[in-house]
Amino acid sequence: MKTVVNLTQQSVIGEIESVLDTYPYHPYQQAFAIPDLRQELVAFVLNRIPCFYSAVSEGQISLAEAEKENLPYYKFPRQPLEQQMHLQNLIHQGIYAIVKQKSDWISHHLCETFQPDCEPSHWFG
């Protein structure tokens, strides 16, 4: 029996990690640490690039190994450096679009979840 593996998704997730590392921790890395926003960013990028799949026999090798083996063999319509630049550009666009669209929600959620100094201190009584 063969299993279909989405090779593109793992590549996109790895590249998102790399791109987000170039952004400030607050608010970008904090915001995209929220699973819903991270998934929205992944979907934003995947909807704008071709996806590649591979059929892997269950008894042959693990799915993770199959993904690693096949990642270098993508047949994108661009050269490798151009592919990476295009992917990074899409990630930057996605970050900008999501932050712009959900800025109120993000600032409220980050303030509520991550910043205890948003509430007045009860320390002084």
C-alpha atoms as a PDB file:
ATOM      1  CA  MET A   1       0.000   0.000   0.000  1.00  0.00           C
ATOM      2  CA  LYS A   2       1.282   3.436  -0.889  1.00  0.00           C
ATOM      3  CA  THR A   3       0.841   6.705   0.990  1.00  0.00           C
ATOM      4  CA  VAL A   4       0.740  10.083  -0.726  1.00  0.00           C
ATOM      5  CA  VAL A   5       3.105  12.620   0.850  1.00  0.00           C
ATOM      6  CA  ASN A   6       2.864  16.399   0.323  1.00  0.00           C
ATOM      7  CA  LEU A   7       6.479  17.366  -0.249  1.00  0.00           C
ATOM      8  CA  THR A   8       5.805  21.075  -0.702  1.00  0.00           C
ATOM      9  CA  GLN A   9       4.208  21.631   2.706  1.00  0.00           C
ATOM     10  CA  GLN A  10       7.301  20.569   4.654  1.00  0.00           C
ATOM     11  CA  SER A  11       9.506  22.787   2.518  1.00  0.00           C
ATOM     12  CA  VAL A  12       7.171  25.778   3.031  1.00  0.00           C
ATOM     13  CA  ILE A  13       7.005  25.245   6.801  1.00  0.00           C
ATOM     14  CA  GLY A  14      10.802  25.166   7.013  1.00  0.00           C
ATOM     15  CA  GLU A  15      11.139  28.314   4.954  1.00  0.00           C
ATOM     16  CA  ILE A  16       8.508  30.090   7.095  1.00  0.00           C
ATOM     17  CA  GLU A  17      10.605  29.277  10.163  1.00  0.00           C
ATOM     18  CA  SER A  18      13.681  30.780   8.510  1.00  0.00           C
ATOM     19  CA  VAL A  19      11.891  33.933   7.369  1.00  0.00           C
ATOM     20  CA  LEU A  20      10.174  34.498  10.723  1.00  0.00           C
ATOM     21  CA  ASP A  21      13.575  34.284  12.436  1.00  0.00           C
ATOM     22  CA  THR A  22      14.477  37.513  10.622  1.00  0.00           C
ATOM     23  CA  TYR A  23      11.496  39.358  12.149  1.00  0.00           C
ATOM     24  CA  PRO A  24      11.373  40.908  15.635  1.00  0.00           C
ATOM     25  CA  TYR A  25      10.113  38.658  18.394  1.00  0.00           C
ATOM     26  CA  HIS A  26       7.304  41.085  19.240  1.00  0.00           C
ATOM     27  CA  PRO A  27       4.842  41.081  17.586  1.00  0.00           C
ATOM     28  CA  TYR A  28       5.708  38.922  14.560  1.00  0.00           C
ATOM     29  CA  GLN A  29       7.259  35.794  16.062  1.00  0.00           C
ATOM     30  CA  GLN A  30       4.785  35.888  18.936  1.00  0.00           C
ATOM     31  CA  ALA A  31       1.819  36.300  16.607  1.00  0.00           C
ATOM     32  CA  PHE A  32       2.838  33.483  14.282  1.00  0.00           C
ATOM     33  CA  ALA A  33       3.534  31.200  17.225  1.00  0.00           C
ATOM     34  CA  ILE A  34      -0.266  31.103  17.556  1.00  0.00           C
ATOM     35  CA  PRO A  35      -1.270  27.907  15.696  1.00  0.00           C
ATOM     36  CA  ASP A  36      -4.228  29.472  13.851  1.00  0.00           C
ATOM     37  CA  LEU A  37      -2.143  32.333  12.462  1.00  0.00           C
ATOM     38  CA  ARG A  38       0.736  30.006  11.576  1.00  0.00           C
ATOM     39  CA  GLN A  39      -1.677  27.737   9.696  1.00  0.00           C
ATOM     40  CA  GLU A  40      -3.164  30.742   7.912  1.00  0.00           C
ATOM     41  CA  LEU A  41       0.322  31.770   6.771  1.00  0.00           C
ATOM     42  CA  VAL A  42       1.085  28.247   5.544  1.00  0.00           C
ATOM     43  CA  ALA A  43      -2.216  28.201   3.634  1.00  0.00           C
ATOM     44  CA  PHE A  44      -1.509  31.669   2.167  1.00  0.00           C
ATOM     45  CA  VAL A  45       1.773  30.458   0.705  1.00  0.00           C
ATOM     46  CA  LEU A  46       0.591  26.996  -0.394  1.00  0.00           C
ATOM     47  CA  ASN A  47      -2.334  28.521  -2.283  1.00  0.00           C
ATOM     48  CA  ARG A  48       0.132  30.512  -4.397  1.00  0.00           C
ATOM     49  CA  ILE A  49       2.627  27.826  -5.410  1.00  0.00           C
ATOM     50  CA  PRO A  50       2.363  24.433  -7.119  1.00  0.00           C
ATOM     51  CA  CYS A  51       2.309  21.468  -4.756  1.00  0.00           C
ATOM     52  CA  PHE A  52       4.247  18.292  -5.388  1.00  0.00           C
ATOM     53  CA  TYR A  53       3.369  14.891  -4.030  1.00  0.00           C
ATOM     54  CA  SER A  54       5.106  11.558  -3.896  1.00  0.00           C
ATOM     55  CA  ALA A  55       3.710   8.059  -3.433  1.00  0.00           C
ATOM     56  CA  VAL A  56       5.670   6.098  -0.839  1.00  0.00           C
ATOM     57  CA  SER A  57       5.274   2.456   0.101  1.00  0.00           C
ATOM     58  CA  GLU A  58       4.670   2.060   3.811  1.00  0.00           C
ATOM     59  CA  GLY A  59       7.221  -0.746   4.173  1.00  0.00           C
ATOM     60  CA  GLN A  60      10.011   1.024   2.300  1.00  0.00           C
ATOM     61  CA  ILE A  61      11.022   4.032   4.373  1.00  0.00           C
ATOM     62  CA  SER A  62       9.423   6.427   6.823  1.00  0.00           C
ATOM     63  CA  LEU A  63       7.425   9.375   5.515  1.00  0.00           C
ATOM     64  CA  ALA A  64       9.929  11.845   6.992  1.00  0.00           C
ATOM     65  CA  GLU A  65      12.787  10.158   5.121  1.00  0.00           C
ATOM     66  CA  ALA A  66      10.772  10.169   1.893  1.00  0.00           C
ATOM     67  CA  GLU A  67      10.135  13.898   2.246  1.00  0.00           C
ATOM     68  CA  LYS A  68      13.832  14.591   2.825  1.00  0.00           C
ATOM     69  CA  GLU A  69      14.874  12.403  -0.102  1.00  0.00           C
ATOM     70  CA  ASN A  70      12.478  13.991  -2.576  1.00  0.00           C
ATOM     71  CA  LEU A  71      12.743  17.674  -1.568  1.00  0.00           C
ATOM     72  CA  PRO A  72      15.786  18.372  -3.767  1.00  0.00           C
ATOM     73  CA  TYR A  73      14.016  16.936  -6.820  1.00  0.00           C
ATOM     74  CA  TYR A  74      11.167  19.448  -7.056  1.00  0.00           C
ATOM     75  CA  LYS A  75      10.401  20.514 -10.596  1.00  0.00           C
ATOM     76  CA  PHE A  76       9.364  24.119 -10.021  1.00  0.00           C
ATOM     77  CA  PRO A  77       9.296  26.336 -13.119  1.00  0.00           C
ATOM     78  CA  ARG A  78      12.134  28.437 -11.661  1.00  0.00           C
ATOM     79  CA  GLN A  79      15.806  27.932 -10.860  1.00  0.00           C
ATOM     80  CA  PRO A  80      16.625  26.916  -7.239  1.00  0.00           C
ATOM     81  CA  LEU A  81      17.716  30.394  -6.071  1.00  0.00           C
ATOM     82  CA  GLU A  82      14.803  32.013  -7.862  1.00  0.00           C
ATOM     83  CA  GLN A  83      12.452  29.447  -6.272  1.00  0.00           C
ATOM     84  CA  GLN A  84      13.698  30.290  -2.809  1.00  0.00           C
ATOM     85  CA  MET A  85      13.456  34.029  -3.419  1.00  0.00           C
ATOM     86  CA  HIS A  86       9.909  33.620  -4.778  1.00  0.00           C
ATOM     87  CA  LEU A  87       8.922  31.505  -1.759  1.00  0.00           C
ATOM     88  CA  GLN A  88      10.441  34.009   0.686  1.00  0.00           C
ATOM     89  CA  ASN A  89       8.678  36.865  -1.089  1.00  0.00           C
ATOM     90  CA  LEU A  90       5.337  35.046  -0.743  1.00  0.00           C
ATOM     91  CA  ILE A  91       6.003  34.477   2.961  1.00  0.00           C
ATOM     92  CA  HIS A  92       6.751  38.178   3.492  1.00  0.00           C
ATOM     93  CA  GLN A  93       3.563  39.066   1.615  1.00  0.00           C
ATOM     94  CA  GLY A  94       1.583  36.623   3.748  1.00  0.00           C
ATOM     95  CA  ILE A  95       2.998  37.984   6.993  1.00  0.00           C
ATOM     96  CA  TYR A  96       2.171  41.535   5.924  1.00  0.00           C
ATOM     97  CA  ALA A  97      -1.350  40.651   4.742  1.00  0.00           C
ATOM     98  CA  ILE A  98      -2.258  38.642   7.846  1.00  0.00           C
ATOM     99  CA  VAL A  99      -0.851  41.205  10.290  1.00  0.00           C
ATOM    100  CA  LYS A 100      -2.650  44.013   8.454  1.00  0.00           C
ATOM    101  CA  GLN A 101      -5.941  42.119   8.297  1.00  0.00           C
ATOM    102  CA  LYS A 102      -5.867  40.903  11.898  1.00  0.00           C
ATOM    103  CA  SER A 103      -3.914  43.654  13.643  1.00  0.00           C
ATOM    104  CA  ASP A 104      -6.606  44.389  16.238  1.00  0.00           C
ATOM    105  CA  TRP A 105      -7.067  40.719  17.057  1.00  0.00           C
ATOM    106  CA  ILE A 106      -3.304  40.147  17.248  1.00  0.00           C
ATOM    107  CA  SER A 107      -2.635  43.130  19.524  1.00  0.00           C
ATOM    108  CA  HIS A 108      -5.519  42.147  21.812  1.00  0.00           C
ATOM    109  CA  HIS A 109      -4.475  38.487  21.896  1.00  0.00           C
ATOM    110  CA  LEU A 110      -0.781  39.212  22.464  1.00  0.00           C
ATOM    111  CA  CYS A 111      -1.557  41.756  25.175  1.00  0.00           C
ATOM    112  CA  GLU A 112      -3.909  39.335  26.909  1.00  0.00           C
ATOM    113  CA  THR A 113      -1.731  36.248  26.541  1.00  0.00           C
ATOM    114  CA  PHE A 114       1.862  37.363  26.611  1.00  0.00           C
ATOM    115  CA  GLN A 115       2.129  40.709  28.380  1.00  0.00           C
ATOM    116  CA  PRO A 116       1.140  40.806  32.035  1.00  0.00           C
ATOM    117  CA  ASP A 117       1.989  44.529  32.163  1.00  0.00           C
ATOM    118  CA  CYS A 118      -1.173  45.315  30.155  1.00  0.00           C
ATOM    119  CA  GLU A 119      -3.215  45.179  33.326  1.00  0.00           C
ATOM    120  CA  PRO A 120      -2.782  47.614  36.215  1.00  0.00           C
ATOM    121  CA  SER A 121      -0.615  46.289  38.977  1.00  0.00           C
ATOM    122  CA  HIS A 122      -2.295  45.165  42.181  1.00  0.00           C
ATOM    123  CA  TRP A 123       1.085  45.110  43.901  1.00  0.00           C
ATOM    124  CA  PHE A 124       0.659  48.590  45.369  1.00  0.00           C
ATOM    125  CA  GLY A 125      -2.620  47.629  46.972  1.00  0.00           C
END
